[in-house]
Protein backbone atom coordinates (compact mmCIF):
# COMPACT_ATOMS: atom_id res chain seq x y z
CA MET A 1 43.15 65.95 -41.48
CA ASP A 2 45.89 67.01 -39.03
CA ILE A 3 45.06 67.67 -35.37
CA GLU A 4 45.12 71.47 -35.60
CA ARG A 5 42.69 71.47 -38.51
CA LEU A 6 40.51 68.89 -36.77
CA VAL A 7 40.38 71.07 -33.63
CA GLU A 8 39.49 74.09 -35.75
CA ASP A 9 36.78 72.10 -37.49
CA PHE A 10 35.38 70.84 -34.18
CA ARG A 11 35.49 74.29 -32.64
CA SER A 12 33.62 75.84 -35.57
CA ASN A 13 30.49 73.96 -34.48
CA PHE A 14 30.22 76.00 -31.26
CA PRO A 15 29.12 79.59 -31.98
CA ILE A 16 29.36 80.63 -28.32
CA LEU A 17 33.13 80.18 -28.51
CA GLN A 18 33.29 83.07 -30.97
CA SER A 19 31.61 85.43 -28.52
CA SER A 20 33.05 88.04 -26.15
CA VAL A 21 32.57 88.93 -22.49
CA TYR A 22 33.60 92.30 -21.10
CA ARG A 23 34.84 93.10 -24.64
CA LYS A 24 37.35 90.26 -24.45
CA PRO A 25 37.25 87.05 -26.49
CA LEU A 26 35.65 84.30 -24.43
CA VAL A 27 38.08 81.66 -23.17
CA TYR A 28 35.83 78.93 -21.83
CA LEU A 29 37.67 76.60 -19.43
CA ASP A 30 34.76 75.25 -17.39
CA SER A 31 33.65 72.23 -19.42
CA ALA A 32 33.89 69.96 -16.37
CA ALA A 33 30.87 71.88 -15.05
CA THR A 34 29.04 71.86 -18.37
CA ALA A 35 30.20 71.58 -21.96
CA GLN A 36 29.07 73.93 -24.71
CA LYS A 37 26.58 72.62 -27.26
CA PRO A 38 27.27 72.23 -30.99
CA LEU A 39 24.94 73.65 -33.61
CA GLN A 40 24.02 70.18 -34.85
CA VAL A 41 22.60 69.26 -31.44
CA LEU A 42 20.82 72.59 -30.96
CA GLU A 43 19.28 72.50 -34.42
CA TYR A 44 18.17 68.90 -33.93
CA GLU A 45 16.53 69.83 -30.63
CA LYS A 46 14.61 72.63 -32.35
CA SER A 47 13.56 70.33 -35.20
CA LEU A 48 12.12 67.76 -32.79
CA TYR A 49 10.01 70.37 -31.05
CA THR A 50 8.77 71.76 -34.35
CA THR A 51 8.07 68.47 -36.12
CA TYR A 52 7.51 65.53 -33.74
CA ASN A 53 6.68 66.98 -30.34
CA ALA A 54 4.25 64.56 -28.66
CA ASN A 55 4.27 62.42 -25.54
CA ILE A 56 5.79 58.98 -25.98
CA HIS A 57 4.57 55.40 -25.46
CA ARG A 58 0.95 56.30 -24.73
CA GLY A 59 -0.30 57.78 -27.99
CA VAL A 60 -1.51 55.94 -31.07
CA HIS A 61 -1.32 58.99 -33.32
CA TYR A 62 1.47 59.70 -35.79
CA LEU A 63 3.47 62.24 -33.78
CA SER A 64 3.51 60.07 -30.68
CA GLU A 65 4.57 57.00 -32.61
CA GLN A 66 7.36 58.90 -34.36
CA MET A 67 8.67 60.42 -31.14
CA THR A 68 8.48 57.06 -29.36
CA SER A 69 10.57 55.51 -32.12
CA ILE A 70 13.17 58.32 -31.87
CA TYR A 71 13.30 57.96 -28.08
CA GLU A 72 13.84 54.21 -28.15
CA GLN A 73 16.42 54.56 -30.91
CA ALA A 74 18.28 56.95 -28.62
CA ARG A 75 18.35 54.22 -25.99
CA LYS A 76 19.96 51.87 -28.51
CA THR A 77 22.55 54.53 -29.36
CA VAL A 78 23.46 55.00 -25.70
CA ALA A 79 23.62 51.23 -25.12
CA ARG A 80 26.10 50.85 -28.00
CA PHE A 81 28.07 53.88 -26.82
CA ILE A 82 28.70 52.48 -23.33
CA GLY A 83 28.89 48.82 -24.35
CA ALA A 84 25.78 47.61 -22.52
CA LYS A 85 24.68 44.03 -23.12
CA GLU A 86 21.10 45.09 -23.83
CA GLU A 87 19.27 48.37 -24.27
CA ALA A 88 16.84 47.58 -21.42
CA GLU A 89 19.75 48.12 -19.03
CA VAL A 90 19.86 51.79 -20.06
CA ILE A 91 17.57 54.03 -18.02
CA PHE A 92 17.06 57.70 -18.90
CA THR A 93 17.04 60.07 -15.94
CA ALA A 94 17.23 63.81 -15.32
CA GLY A 95 21.03 63.63 -14.90
CA ALA A 96 23.81 61.83 -13.06
CA THR A 97 22.58 63.11 -9.71
CA ALA A 98 19.17 61.56 -10.37
CA SER A 99 20.85 58.33 -11.53
CA LEU A 100 22.99 58.04 -8.41
CA ASN A 101 20.07 58.80 -6.12
CA LEU A 102 18.03 56.14 -7.91
CA VAL A 103 20.71 53.52 -7.27
CA ALA A 104 21.32 54.59 -3.68
CA TYR A 105 17.61 54.43 -2.86
CA SER A 106 16.34 51.45 -4.83
CA TRP A 107 19.36 49.18 -4.51
CA SER A 108 19.59 49.94 -0.79
CA GLU A 109 15.92 49.13 -0.27
CA ALA A 110 16.50 45.71 -1.78
CA PHE A 111 19.99 44.82 -0.56
CA LEU A 112 21.38 47.08 2.19
CA ARG A 113 20.93 45.93 5.78
CA ALA A 114 21.77 47.28 9.24
CA GLY A 115 25.49 47.11 9.91
CA ASP A 116 26.44 46.83 6.22
CA VAL A 117 29.17 49.12 4.90
CA VAL A 118 29.26 51.41 1.86
CA LEU A 119 32.71 52.58 0.75
CA VAL A 120 32.96 55.98 -0.92
CA SER A 121 36.27 57.50 -1.99
CA GLN A 122 37.50 60.81 -0.60
CA MET A 123 37.59 62.27 -4.10
CA GLU A 124 33.88 61.86 -4.87
CA HIS A 125 31.49 64.57 -5.98
CA HIS A 126 28.78 65.24 -3.41
CA SER A 127 26.32 63.45 -5.72
CA ASN A 128 28.16 60.21 -5.05
CA ILE A 129 28.43 60.82 -1.30
CA VAL A 130 25.19 62.30 0.03
CA PRO A 131 22.77 59.76 -1.54
CA TRP A 132 24.73 56.95 0.14
CA GLN A 133 24.67 58.77 3.47
CA LEU A 134 20.90 59.11 3.17
CA ALA A 135 20.56 55.44 2.30
CA ALA A 136 22.81 54.38 5.17
CA GLU A 137 20.84 56.48 7.63
CA ARG A 138 17.59 54.99 6.41
CA ARG A 139 18.85 51.38 6.45
CA GLY A 140 21.12 51.50 9.51
CA ALA A 141 24.26 51.01 7.44
CA VAL A 142 27.63 52.79 7.61
CA VAL A 143 29.47 54.94 5.04
CA ARG A 144 33.26 54.88 5.19
CA ALA A 145 35.75 56.90 3.16
CA ILE A 146 38.45 55.29 1.02
CA PRO A 147 41.54 57.45 1.61
CA ILE A 148 43.53 59.09 -1.16
CA THR A 149 47.25 59.80 -1.29
CA ASP A 150 49.00 63.17 -1.49
CA SER A 151 49.09 62.78 -5.28
CA GLY A 152 45.32 62.29 -5.33
CA GLU A 153 45.29 58.57 -6.04
CA ILE A 154 43.33 55.83 -4.30
CA ASP A 155 45.22 54.24 -1.41
CA MET A 156 44.83 50.71 -2.75
CA ILE A 157 46.33 49.04 0.33
CA SER A 158 43.76 50.70 2.57
CA TYR A 159 41.00 49.97 0.05
CA GLU A 160 41.70 46.26 -0.07
CA ARG A 161 41.87 46.10 3.72
CA MET A 162 38.55 47.95 4.10
CA LEU A 163 36.79 45.51 1.77
CA GLN A 164 37.18 42.76 4.34
CA TYR A 165 34.66 44.27 6.76
CA GLY A 166 31.06 43.84 5.61
CA VAL A 167 31.22 46.04 2.49
CA LYS A 168 28.17 45.72 0.25
CA MET A 169 28.71 48.68 -2.11
CA VAL A 170 31.66 50.69 -3.43
CA ALA A 171 30.90 54.11 -4.93
CA ILE A 172 33.77 55.43 -7.04
CA THR A 173 34.35 58.02 -9.74
CA GLN A 174 35.77 57.17 -13.14
CA ALA A 175 37.61 60.51 -13.13
CA SER A 176 37.68 63.05 -10.31
CA ASN A 177 36.04 66.38 -11.07
CA THR A 178 38.69 68.16 -8.96
CA LEU A 179 41.92 66.16 -9.05
CA GLY A 180 41.39 64.65 -12.50
CA THR A 181 42.52 61.29 -11.11
CA ARG A 182 41.42 58.21 -13.02
CA PRO A 183 41.37 55.34 -10.50
CA ASP A 184 42.25 51.85 -11.67
CA LEU A 185 38.59 50.89 -11.90
CA LYS A 186 39.09 47.40 -13.30
CA ALA A 187 41.31 46.46 -10.38
CA MET A 188 38.99 48.11 -7.83
CA ILE A 189 35.90 46.44 -9.26
CA ALA A 190 37.56 43.01 -9.39
CA LEU A 191 38.61 43.36 -5.75
CA ALA A 192 35.13 44.48 -4.71
CA HIS A 193 33.47 41.56 -6.47
CA ARG A 194 35.94 39.15 -4.90
CA HIS A 195 34.68 40.33 -1.51
CA GLY A 196 31.01 40.17 -2.52
CA ALA A 197 30.47 43.92 -2.96
CA LYS A 198 28.79 45.75 -5.84
CA VAL A 199 30.25 48.85 -7.52
CA THR A 200 28.60 52.07 -8.66
CA VAL A 201 30.67 54.29 -10.97
CA ASP A 202 30.16 58.03 -11.42
CA GLY A 203 31.10 58.40 -15.08
CA CYS A 204 30.37 62.11 -15.54
CA GLN A 205 33.96 63.13 -16.29
CA GLY A 206 35.20 59.79 -17.55
CA VAL A 207 32.61 59.14 -20.25
CA VAL A 208 33.50 62.45 -21.92
CA HIS A 209 37.25 61.93 -21.91
CA GLY A 210 37.81 58.44 -23.24
CA GLY A 211 34.40 56.78 -22.94
CA VAL A 212 33.55 53.51 -21.26
CA ASP A 213 32.84 49.85 -21.91
CA VAL A 214 30.65 48.77 -19.00
CA LEU A 215 30.90 45.08 -19.85
CA ASP A 216 34.69 45.16 -19.95
CA LEU A 217 34.74 47.23 -16.75
CA ASP A 218 32.21 44.84 -15.14
CA CYS A 219 30.72 47.63 -13.01
CA ASP A 220 27.27 47.00 -11.58
CA PHE A 221 25.98 50.54 -12.11
CA TYR A 222 27.26 53.45 -14.19
CA ALA A 223 25.88 57.01 -14.23
CA PHE A 224 26.53 60.05 -16.38
CA SER A 225 24.98 63.35 -17.48
CA GLY A 226 24.30 64.54 -21.01
CA HIS A 227 25.21 68.17 -20.45
CA LYS A 228 28.89 67.36 -19.91
CA LEU A 229 28.82 65.34 -23.13
CA TYR A 230 27.87 68.30 -25.37
CA ALA A 231 24.13 67.55 -25.04
CA PRO A 232 21.46 69.76 -23.40
CA THR A 233 20.82 69.84 -19.67
CA GLY A 234 18.17 67.75 -17.95
CA ILE A 235 19.06 64.35 -19.40
CA GLY A 236 21.16 61.61 -17.85
CA VAL A 237 21.73 57.88 -17.98
CA LEU A 238 21.86 55.07 -15.48
CA TYR A 239 23.23 51.74 -16.63
CA GLY A 240 22.63 48.76 -14.38
CA LYS A 241 23.01 45.02 -14.68
CA ARG A 242 19.63 43.48 -15.42
CA GLU A 243 19.62 41.06 -12.50
CA LEU A 244 20.08 43.94 -10.07
CA LEU A 245 17.59 46.28 -11.72
CA ASP A 246 14.98 43.53 -11.84
CA ALA A 247 15.40 42.92 -8.10
CA MET A 248 15.17 46.61 -7.14
CA PRO A 249 11.88 48.38 -6.31
CA PRO A 250 10.86 51.43 -8.37
CA TYR A 251 12.34 54.76 -7.36
CA MET A 252 9.25 56.80 -8.28
CA GLY A 253 5.65 55.95 -9.05
CA GLY A 254 3.47 57.37 -11.80
CA GLY A 255 2.61 56.98 -15.43
CA ASP A 256 4.53 54.71 -17.81
CA MET A 257 6.20 52.64 -15.07
CA VAL A 258 3.20 50.46 -14.33
CA ASP A 259 1.74 47.28 -15.74
CA LYS A 260 -1.63 47.37 -13.93
CA VAL A 261 -2.94 49.70 -11.24
CA THR A 262 -5.77 48.89 -8.84
CA PHE A 263 -6.52 49.97 -5.29
CA GLU A 264 -5.76 46.40 -4.27
CA GLY A 265 -2.23 46.68 -5.62
CA THR A 266 -0.02 47.67 -8.54
CA THR A 267 2.28 45.70 -10.78
CA TYR A 268 5.16 47.32 -12.60
CA ALA A 269 6.30 47.57 -16.19
CA PRO A 270 9.40 45.65 -17.25
CA LEU A 271 12.80 47.30 -17.65
CA PRO A 272 13.61 49.99 -18.42
CA LEU A 273 10.17 51.61 -17.99
CA LYS A 274 9.97 50.49 -14.35
CA PHE A 275 12.41 53.29 -13.53
CA GLU A 276 11.09 55.93 -15.94
CA ALA A 277 7.99 57.28 -14.21
CA GLY A 278 6.13 60.21 -15.73
CA THR A 279 6.70 62.07 -18.97
CA ALA A 280 10.26 61.35 -20.02
CA ASN A 281 12.62 64.00 -21.32
CA PHE A 282 12.22 62.43 -24.74
CA VAL A 283 13.76 65.34 -26.62
CA GLY A 284 16.68 65.33 -24.20
CA ALA A 285 17.30 61.62 -24.82
CA ALA A 286 17.18 62.14 -28.57
CA THR A 287 19.59 65.07 -28.45
CA LEU A 288 21.97 63.09 -26.22
CA ALA A 289 22.06 60.42 -28.93
CA LYS A 290 22.67 63.16 -31.49
CA ALA A 291 25.61 64.46 -29.44
CA ILE A 292 27.04 60.94 -29.23
CA ASP A 293 26.78 60.56 -33.00
CA PHE A 294 28.35 64.00 -33.50
CA LEU A 295 31.33 63.11 -31.30
CA ALA A 296 31.96 59.89 -33.21
CA GLY A 297 33.63 61.89 -35.97
CA TYR A 298 36.16 63.43 -33.57
CA ARG A 299 37.56 60.42 -31.71
CA ASP A 300 41.12 61.43 -32.62
CA LEU A 301 40.79 64.50 -30.39
CA ILE A 302 40.64 62.46 -27.18
CA GLU A 303 44.44 62.19 -27.14
CA TYR A 304 44.64 65.89 -27.99
CA GLU A 305 42.99 66.63 -24.64
CA ASP A 306 45.93 64.92 -22.93
CA THR A 307 48.26 67.20 -24.88
CA LEU A 308 46.34 70.23 -23.57
CA LEU A 309 46.57 68.91 -20.01
CA ARG A 310 50.35 68.43 -20.20
CA TYR A 311 50.83 71.86 -21.77
CA ALA A 312 48.64 73.61 -19.21
CA THR A 313 50.37 71.85 -16.31
CA GLU A 314 53.82 72.87 -17.52
CA ARG A 315 52.83 76.48 -18.22
CA LEU A 316 50.94 77.00 -14.94
CA LEU A 317 53.81 75.64 -12.86
CA SER A 318 55.99 78.43 -14.22
CA ILE A 319 54.03 80.84 -11.99
CA GLU A 320 55.78 81.35 -8.67
CA GLY A 321 53.88 79.94 -5.70
CA LEU A 322 51.35 78.00 -7.81
CA LYS A 323 50.45 74.53 -6.56
CA ILE A 324 48.52 71.94 -8.54
CA TYR A 325 46.34 69.45 -6.65
CA GLY A 326 46.12 66.01 -8.19
CA THR A 327 49.35 64.82 -9.75
CA ALA A 328 48.42 61.27 -10.69
CA GLU A 329 50.06 60.03 -13.84
CA ASP A 330 46.72 59.16 -15.42
CA LYS A 331 44.43 62.20 -15.32
CA SER A 332 41.47 63.63 -17.17
CA PRO A 333 42.01 67.17 -18.58
CA ILE A 334 41.41 69.07 -15.34
CA VAL A 335 43.85 71.26 -13.42
CA CYS A 336 42.98 72.43 -9.91
CA PHE A 337 45.38 74.92 -8.37
CA ASN A 338 45.97 77.63 -5.80
CA VAL A 339 48.60 80.36 -5.63
CA GLU A 340 50.33 81.15 -2.38
CA GLY A 341 49.08 84.41 -0.86
CA CYS A 342 46.07 84.67 -3.22
CA ASN A 343 42.45 83.72 -2.67
CA HIS A 344 41.05 81.35 -5.29
CA TYR A 345 37.84 83.36 -5.56
CA ASP A 346 39.74 86.60 -6.19
CA ILE A 347 41.77 84.96 -8.96
CA GLY A 348 38.59 83.69 -10.60
CA MET A 349 36.93 87.11 -10.44
CA ILE A 350 39.91 88.85 -12.02
CA LEU A 351 40.16 86.22 -14.76
CA ASP A 352 36.46 86.68 -15.49
CA LYS A 353 37.04 90.34 -16.29
CA MET A 354 39.65 89.19 -18.81
CA GLY A 355 37.08 86.94 -20.53
CA ILE A 356 38.48 83.75 -18.99
CA ALA A 357 35.91 81.39 -17.49
CA ILE A 358 37.24 79.01 -14.83
CA ARG A 359 35.65 77.52 -11.73
CA THR A 360 36.46 78.45 -8.14
CA GLY A 361 35.32 77.01 -4.82
CA HIS A 362 34.97 73.49 -3.48
CA HIS A 363 33.53 72.07 -6.73
CA CYS A 364 30.94 70.00 -4.83
CA ALA A 365 33.81 67.97 -3.40
CA GLU A 366 34.36 69.32 0.10
CA PRO A 367 36.10 66.17 1.38
CA VAL A 368 38.81 66.81 -1.22
CA MET A 369 39.26 70.33 0.13
CA ASP A 370 39.49 68.95 3.67
CA ARG A 371 42.04 66.35 2.54
CA PHE A 372 44.33 69.09 1.23
CA SER A 373 43.52 71.61 3.99
CA VAL A 374 42.13 74.30 1.71
CA THR A 375 38.76 76.05 1.49
CA GLY A 376 38.65 75.99 -2.29
CA MET A 377 40.62 75.77 -5.51
CA CYS A 378 40.76 77.31 -8.96
CA ARG A 379 39.80 74.79 -11.63
CA ALA A 380 40.55 74.97 -15.33
CA SER A 381 38.97 72.14 -17.29
CA PHE A 382 39.63 71.50 -20.96
CA ALA A 383 37.61 70.06 -23.83
CA MET A 384 38.30 69.17 -27.43
CA TYR A 385 37.42 72.71 -28.56
CA ASN A 386 40.11 74.36 -26.44
CA THR A 387 43.49 75.46 -27.83
CA LYS A 388 47.02 76.01 -26.61
CA SER A 389 46.61 79.73 -27.28
CA GLU A 390 43.70 79.77 -24.82
CA ILE A 391 45.94 78.11 -22.23
CA ASP A 392 48.54 80.82 -22.89
CA THR A 393 45.82 83.39 -22.24
CA LEU A 394 44.92 81.62 -18.99
CA VAL A 395 48.53 81.55 -17.79
CA SER A 396 49.03 85.22 -18.63
CA GLY A 397 45.78 86.02 -16.86
CA VAL A 398 46.71 84.11 -13.71
CA ASP A 399 50.13 85.74 -13.66
CA ARG A 400 48.55 89.18 -13.96
CA ALA A 401 45.95 88.39 -11.28
CA VAL A 402 48.64 87.19 -8.88
CA LYS A 403 50.65 90.38 -9.36
CA MET A 404 47.55 92.46 -8.71
CA LEU A 405 46.64 90.54 -5.56
CA ARG A 406 50.14 90.54 -4.14
């Protein structure tokens, strides 16, 4: 099947893409915020609630046993998908934010000491900044920013120099949600380990556009959300190396994460249950696995996303006064831009009335805005269901909006 037919086939699984807003065909270019969901995933979610809905692990009745089996099979699917050594290293959470907070709290409780340093890049999402600031404040540590260049890439000379001064953790994105930059993670992780530091990777954008092999990467922790991976909201994953997870205290207490509870003391369940307190989002985990299986048939479209990015970049730069932020050679399919003399919010509002959905604002990455001396940016993010004709519509819409605003 050629690429155009494969895109058409992939796109046909998303009924929302055939809808209209303001009597205009929907052009959805906000998948970096959340991806649309295919029918197969939505129908599977419904089937689970109508056939096997029962709480997991605790019940001895049929429905509970069936749902427990589906839930644990989902863990195996995720472990294979990210290349984990063992499924016990895969922890289900409420999303990437929950995963990163878990690491920042529990790892810090076990390993972070007063005067230690946590390095966080300037291009991070707030979810990979604020939890480390909270941990540092609690433990008496320091958070320092790894600078980025004008092209939006990691300043590797500064990074290597900073590692020499008491760094215990490096928090870095696999792909920036604003600049699209894909840092050289293997090199950064190897350098960090050489200096005795651990590395936490925010994989929200990266896992969708190219995937990950955590063993090959050798990261210590890796977090991502299901809703950016064509699965429902409210489900996420934290991968961690067993030796670290075993040494960390629980993040939350409650049911399912305990071995024995008495008023004299409590012992905890083994991995991964130690970090899965309460009723798990078992349907969410199962539908995430379903989304992963669904995507397996469309691997050839990963390179197609790069084609969309190049096409969009070329077309947008034809608009007078338009500036793109993030010009690294290796990028995920995200374009952030502003147009001279036009407010990003106004452009987004006008595009919306044309049926074009983009993102405007600081994208939960205010340090990036500060780095480039802007208050916000327009962001168009692409997925495997987008087309060149939709990019043409975007470019025409931006051009029209600019003329209106000027």
